[in-house]
Amino acid sequence: MRKKNDNNLHDAMQDMLKEFKLKPHLDETRVKMLWEKLMGKTISTYTSNVAVRKNVLYLTILSAPLKHELSYSKDKIISLINDEMGEAYIKEVVIR
């Protein structure tokens, strides 16, 4: 007799992400996709690179005034992204 599968689809997907160690890559891709949505088209136009390594968000900004302005908004950027992700994923923001 076969066991009844008690996992729902969400739990099964979470287990698969853990098993194959795909969650960090998926989270990084989600942050990259969220950047334009959260910051707007103008800021994303001046952003040449968005990367996440070990829960640190690295941003490469092409405009010096925008880089200076965003450096004052690091806490807001962290809270916006973490709220959208549903977890405390980003711990720090580095602007280059």
N, C-alpha and C. Protein backbone atom coordinates (compact mmCIF):
# COMPACT_ATOMS: atom_id res chain seq x y z
N MET A 1 0.84 -1.17 0.00
CA MET A 1 0.00 0.00 0.00
C MET A 1 0.90 1.25 0.00
N ARG A 2 0.54 2.21 -0.84
CA ARG A 2 1.32 3.43 -0.98
C ARG A 2 0.94 4.46 0.06
N LYS A 3 1.94 5.26 0.49
CA LYS A 3 1.68 6.33 1.45
C LYS A 3 0.96 7.48 0.77
N LYS A 4 0.08 8.11 1.52
CA LYS A 4 -0.60 9.28 1.01
C LYS A 4 0.35 10.47 1.07
N ASN A 5 0.38 11.25 0.02
CA ASN A 5 1.26 12.42 -0.03
C ASN A 5 0.59 13.56 0.72
N ASP A 6 1.17 13.95 1.85
CA ASP A 6 0.58 14.98 2.68
C ASP A 6 1.09 16.38 2.34
N ASN A 7 2.11 16.49 1.51
CA ASN A 7 2.64 17.80 1.15
C ASN A 7 1.78 18.46 0.09
N ASN A 8 1.54 19.76 0.29
CA ASN A 8 0.87 20.49 -0.78
C ASN A 8 1.94 20.97 -1.77
N LEU A 9 1.53 21.57 -2.85
CA LEU A 9 2.46 21.97 -3.91
C LEU A 9 3.49 22.98 -3.42
N HIS A 10 3.06 23.94 -2.62
CA HIS A 10 3.98 24.96 -2.11
C HIS A 10 5.10 24.33 -1.28
N ASP A 11 4.74 23.43 -0.38
CA ASP A 11 5.74 22.76 0.46
C ASP A 11 6.68 21.89 -0.38
N ALA A 12 6.12 21.24 -1.39
CA ALA A 12 6.95 20.40 -2.26
C ALA A 12 7.95 21.25 -3.04
N MET A 13 7.52 22.42 -3.51
CA MET A 13 8.42 23.32 -4.24
C MET A 13 9.52 23.83 -3.31
N GLN A 14 9.17 24.20 -2.08
CA GLN A 14 10.17 24.67 -1.12
C GLN A 14 11.19 23.57 -0.81
N ASP A 15 10.72 22.34 -0.66
CA ASP A 15 11.62 21.22 -0.41
C ASP A 15 12.56 21.00 -1.60
N MET A 16 12.04 21.14 -2.81
CA MET A 16 12.86 20.96 -4.01
C MET A 16 13.94 22.05 -4.09
N LEU A 17 13.55 23.32 -3.79
CA LEU A 17 14.52 24.41 -3.82
C LEU A 17 15.64 24.19 -2.81
N LYS A 18 15.30 23.66 -1.63
CA LYS A 18 16.32 23.36 -0.63
C LYS A 18 17.21 22.21 -1.08
N GLU A 19 16.59 21.17 -1.59
CA GLU A 19 17.33 19.97 -1.98
C GLU A 19 18.36 20.25 -3.08
N PHE A 20 17.97 21.01 -4.08
CA PHE A 20 18.86 21.30 -5.20
C PHE A 20 19.64 22.61 -5.02
N LYS A 21 19.49 23.25 -3.86
CA LYS A 21 20.21 24.49 -3.52
C LYS A 21 19.97 25.58 -4.57
N LEU A 22 18.73 25.76 -4.97
CA LEU A 22 18.35 26.75 -5.98
C LEU A 22 17.83 28.04 -5.38
N LYS A 23 17.51 28.05 -4.10
CA LYS A 23 16.89 29.23 -3.49
C LYS A 23 17.74 30.49 -3.58
N PRO A 24 19.06 30.45 -3.35
CA PRO A 24 19.84 31.69 -3.48
C PRO A 24 19.80 32.28 -4.90
N HIS A 25 19.84 31.42 -5.90
CA HIS A 25 19.78 31.90 -7.28
C HIS A 25 18.41 32.47 -7.61
N LEU A 26 17.39 31.82 -7.12
CA LEU A 26 16.03 32.30 -7.34
C LEU A 26 15.81 33.64 -6.65
N ASP A 27 16.30 33.78 -5.43
CA ASP A 27 16.15 35.04 -4.69
C ASP A 27 16.90 36.17 -5.38
N GLU A 28 18.10 35.89 -5.89
CA GLU A 28 18.86 36.93 -6.59
C GLU A 28 18.13 37.37 -7.85
N THR A 29 17.57 36.44 -8.57
CA THR A 29 16.80 36.79 -9.77
C THR A 29 15.57 37.61 -9.41
N ARG A 30 14.91 37.27 -8.31
CA ARG A 30 13.75 38.04 -7.88
C ARG A 30 14.13 39.47 -7.52
N VAL A 31 15.27 39.67 -6.86
CA VAL A 31 15.71 41.01 -6.50
C VAL A 31 16.00 41.82 -7.75
N LYS A 32 16.65 41.21 -8.73
CA LYS A 32 16.94 41.91 -9.99
C LYS A 32 15.66 42.33 -10.70
N MET A 33 14.66 41.47 -10.68
CA MET A 33 13.39 41.80 -11.32
C MET A 33 12.63 42.87 -10.54
N LEU A 34 12.76 42.86 -9.23
CA LEU A 34 12.07 43.84 -8.39
C LEU A 34 12.68 45.23 -8.47
N TRP A 35 13.94 45.33 -8.87
CA TRP A 35 14.64 46.61 -8.83
C TRP A 35 13.91 47.67 -9.64
N GLU A 36 13.56 47.36 -10.89
CA GLU A 36 12.86 48.35 -11.72
C GLU A 36 11.47 48.65 -11.17
N LYS A 37 10.79 47.62 -10.71
CA LYS A 37 9.44 47.82 -10.18
C LYS A 37 9.45 48.73 -8.95
N LEU A 38 10.39 48.52 -8.04
CA LEU A 38 10.42 49.27 -6.80
C LEU A 38 11.04 50.66 -6.96
N MET A 39 12.06 50.78 -7.77
CA MET A 39 12.79 52.05 -7.89
C MET A 39 12.31 52.93 -9.04
N GLY A 40 11.59 52.37 -9.96
CA GLY A 40 11.09 53.15 -11.08
C GLY A 40 12.00 53.06 -12.29
N LYS A 41 11.47 53.47 -13.42
CA LYS A 41 12.17 53.34 -14.69
C LYS A 41 13.41 54.25 -14.75
N THR A 42 13.32 55.45 -14.21
CA THR A 42 14.43 56.40 -14.29
C THR A 42 15.66 55.88 -13.54
N ILE A 43 15.47 55.43 -12.32
CA ILE A 43 16.60 54.92 -11.54
C ILE A 43 17.15 53.64 -12.16
N SER A 44 16.27 52.77 -12.65
CA SER A 44 16.76 51.53 -13.25
C SER A 44 17.50 51.79 -14.55
N THR A 45 17.20 52.90 -15.23
CA THR A 45 17.94 53.26 -16.44
C THR A 45 19.39 53.58 -16.12
N TYR A 46 19.63 54.23 -15.00
CA TYR A 46 20.98 54.60 -14.58
C TYR A 46 21.69 53.51 -13.78
N THR A 47 21.05 52.36 -13.64
CA THR A 47 21.65 51.23 -12.94
C THR A 47 22.19 50.25 -13.96
N SER A 48 23.51 50.03 -13.94
CA SER A 48 24.09 49.13 -14.93
C SER A 48 24.19 47.69 -14.43
N ASN A 49 24.25 47.50 -13.11
CA ASN A 49 24.39 46.15 -12.59
C ASN A 49 23.73 46.04 -11.21
N VAL A 50 22.97 44.96 -11.04
CA VAL A 50 22.37 44.62 -9.74
C VAL A 50 22.80 43.20 -9.44
N ALA A 51 23.48 43.02 -8.31
CA ALA A 51 23.95 41.69 -7.93
C ALA A 51 23.74 41.48 -6.44
N VAL A 52 23.53 40.23 -6.06
CA VAL A 52 23.37 39.87 -4.65
C VAL A 52 24.36 38.76 -4.34
N ARG A 53 25.19 38.99 -3.32
CA ARG A 53 26.13 37.97 -2.84
C ARG A 53 26.09 37.97 -1.32
N LYS A 54 25.79 36.82 -0.77
CA LYS A 54 25.74 36.64 0.69
C LYS A 54 24.87 37.70 1.36
N ASN A 55 23.68 37.90 0.84
CA ASN A 55 22.68 38.81 1.37
C ASN A 55 23.10 40.28 1.34
N VAL A 56 24.04 40.62 0.49
CA VAL A 56 24.45 42.00 0.29
C VAL A 56 24.09 42.38 -1.14
N LEU A 57 23.37 43.50 -1.29
CA LEU A 57 22.96 43.99 -2.60
C LEU A 57 24.02 44.94 -3.12
N TYR A 58 24.60 44.61 -4.27
CA TYR A 58 25.61 45.44 -4.92
C TYR A 58 24.97 46.14 -6.11
N LEU A 59 25.03 47.46 -6.12
CA LEU A 59 24.45 48.26 -7.20
C LEU A 59 25.55 49.05 -7.89
N THR A 60 25.55 49.03 -9.21
CA THR A 60 26.46 49.86 -9.98
C THR A 60 25.62 50.95 -10.63
N ILE A 61 25.82 52.18 -10.20
CA ILE A 61 25.04 53.33 -10.64
C ILE A 61 25.92 54.19 -11.55
N LEU A 62 25.37 54.62 -12.69
CA LEU A 62 26.14 55.38 -13.68
C LEU A 62 26.16 56.88 -13.41
N SER A 63 25.22 57.38 -12.67
CA SER A 63 25.11 58.81 -12.41
C SER A 63 25.62 59.14 -11.01
N ALA A 64 26.60 60.04 -10.93
CA ALA A 64 27.18 60.41 -9.63
C ALA A 64 26.16 61.05 -8.69
N PRO A 65 25.31 61.99 -9.16
CA PRO A 65 24.31 62.55 -8.24
C PRO A 65 23.31 61.51 -7.74
N LEU A 66 22.92 60.59 -8.61
CA LEU A 66 21.99 59.53 -8.20
C LEU A 66 22.67 58.60 -7.20
N LYS A 67 23.93 58.30 -7.43
CA LYS A 67 24.69 57.45 -6.51
C LYS A 67 24.73 58.09 -5.13
N HIS A 68 24.97 59.39 -5.09
CA HIS A 68 25.01 60.12 -3.83
C HIS A 68 23.64 60.10 -3.14
N GLU A 69 22.59 60.31 -3.92
CA GLU A 69 21.22 60.32 -3.38
C GLU A 69 20.83 58.95 -2.83
N LEU A 70 21.17 57.89 -3.57
CA LEU A 70 20.82 56.54 -3.13
C LEU A 70 21.61 56.12 -1.89
N SER A 71 22.79 56.69 -1.71
CA SER A 71 23.58 56.33 -0.54
C SER A 71 22.89 56.76 0.75
N TYR A 72 22.05 57.80 0.67
CA TYR A 72 21.28 58.22 1.84
C TYR A 72 20.02 57.38 2.04
N SER A 73 19.65 56.61 1.04
CA SER A 73 18.40 55.83 1.09
C SER A 73 18.63 54.34 1.24
N LYS A 74 19.78 53.93 1.74
CA LYS A 74 20.09 52.51 1.84
C LYS A 74 19.09 51.76 2.72
N ASP A 75 18.72 52.34 3.85
CA ASP A 75 17.77 51.68 4.75
C ASP A 75 16.41 51.50 4.09
N LYS A 76 15.99 52.51 3.34
CA LYS A 76 14.71 52.43 2.65
C LYS A 76 14.75 51.36 1.56
N ILE A 77 15.86 51.27 0.83
CA ILE A 77 16.01 50.25 -0.21
C ILE A 77 15.93 48.86 0.41
N ILE A 78 16.62 48.67 1.52
CA ILE A 78 16.60 47.37 2.21
C ILE A 78 15.18 47.01 2.64
N SER A 79 14.47 47.96 3.24
CA SER A 79 13.12 47.66 3.72
C SER A 79 12.16 47.40 2.56
N LEU A 80 12.28 48.15 1.47
CA LEU A 80 11.41 47.93 0.31
C LEU A 80 11.60 46.53 -0.27
N ILE A 81 12.85 46.15 -0.47
CA ILE A 81 13.12 44.84 -1.06
C ILE A 81 12.72 43.72 -0.11
N ASN A 82 13.05 43.86 1.16
CA ASN A 82 12.69 42.82 2.13
C ASN A 82 11.19 42.67 2.28
N ASP A 83 10.46 43.78 2.25
CA ASP A 83 9.00 43.70 2.32
C ASP A 83 8.44 42.97 1.11
N GLU A 84 8.98 43.24 -0.05
CA GLU A 84 8.49 42.59 -1.27
C GLU A 84 8.88 41.11 -1.30
N MET A 85 10.05 40.79 -0.76
CA MET A 85 10.50 39.38 -0.73
C MET A 85 9.76 38.58 0.34
N GLY A 86 9.27 39.26 1.36
CA GLY A 86 8.55 38.57 2.43
C GLY A 86 9.47 37.99 3.50
N GLU A 87 10.73 38.37 3.48
CA GLU A 87 11.69 37.90 4.47
C GLU A 87 12.82 38.90 4.57
N ALA A 88 13.62 38.81 5.60
CA ALA A 88 14.77 39.71 5.77
C ALA A 88 15.93 39.16 4.95
N TYR A 89 15.87 39.33 3.65
CA TYR A 89 16.86 38.75 2.74
C TYR A 89 18.08 39.64 2.58
N ILE A 90 17.88 40.93 2.32
CA ILE A 90 18.98 41.87 2.12
C ILE A 90 19.39 42.45 3.47
N LYS A 91 20.68 42.36 3.79
CA LYS A 91 21.20 42.88 5.05
C LYS A 91 21.93 44.20 4.86
N GLU A 92 22.50 44.42 3.68
CA GLU A 92 23.32 45.61 3.43
C GLU A 92 23.25 45.96 1.95
N VAL A 93 23.46 47.24 1.64
CA VAL A 93 23.49 47.72 0.27
C VAL A 93 24.84 48.40 0.02
N VAL A 94 25.51 48.00 -1.05
CA VAL A 94 26.78 48.61 -1.45
C VAL A 94 26.56 49.26 -2.81
N ILE A 95 26.83 50.56 -2.89
CA ILE A 95 26.62 51.31 -4.12
C ILE A 95 27.98 51.66 -4.69
N ARG A 96 28.18 51.25 -5.94
CA ARG A 96 29.46 51.54 -6.61
C ARG A 96 29.25 52.51 -7.73
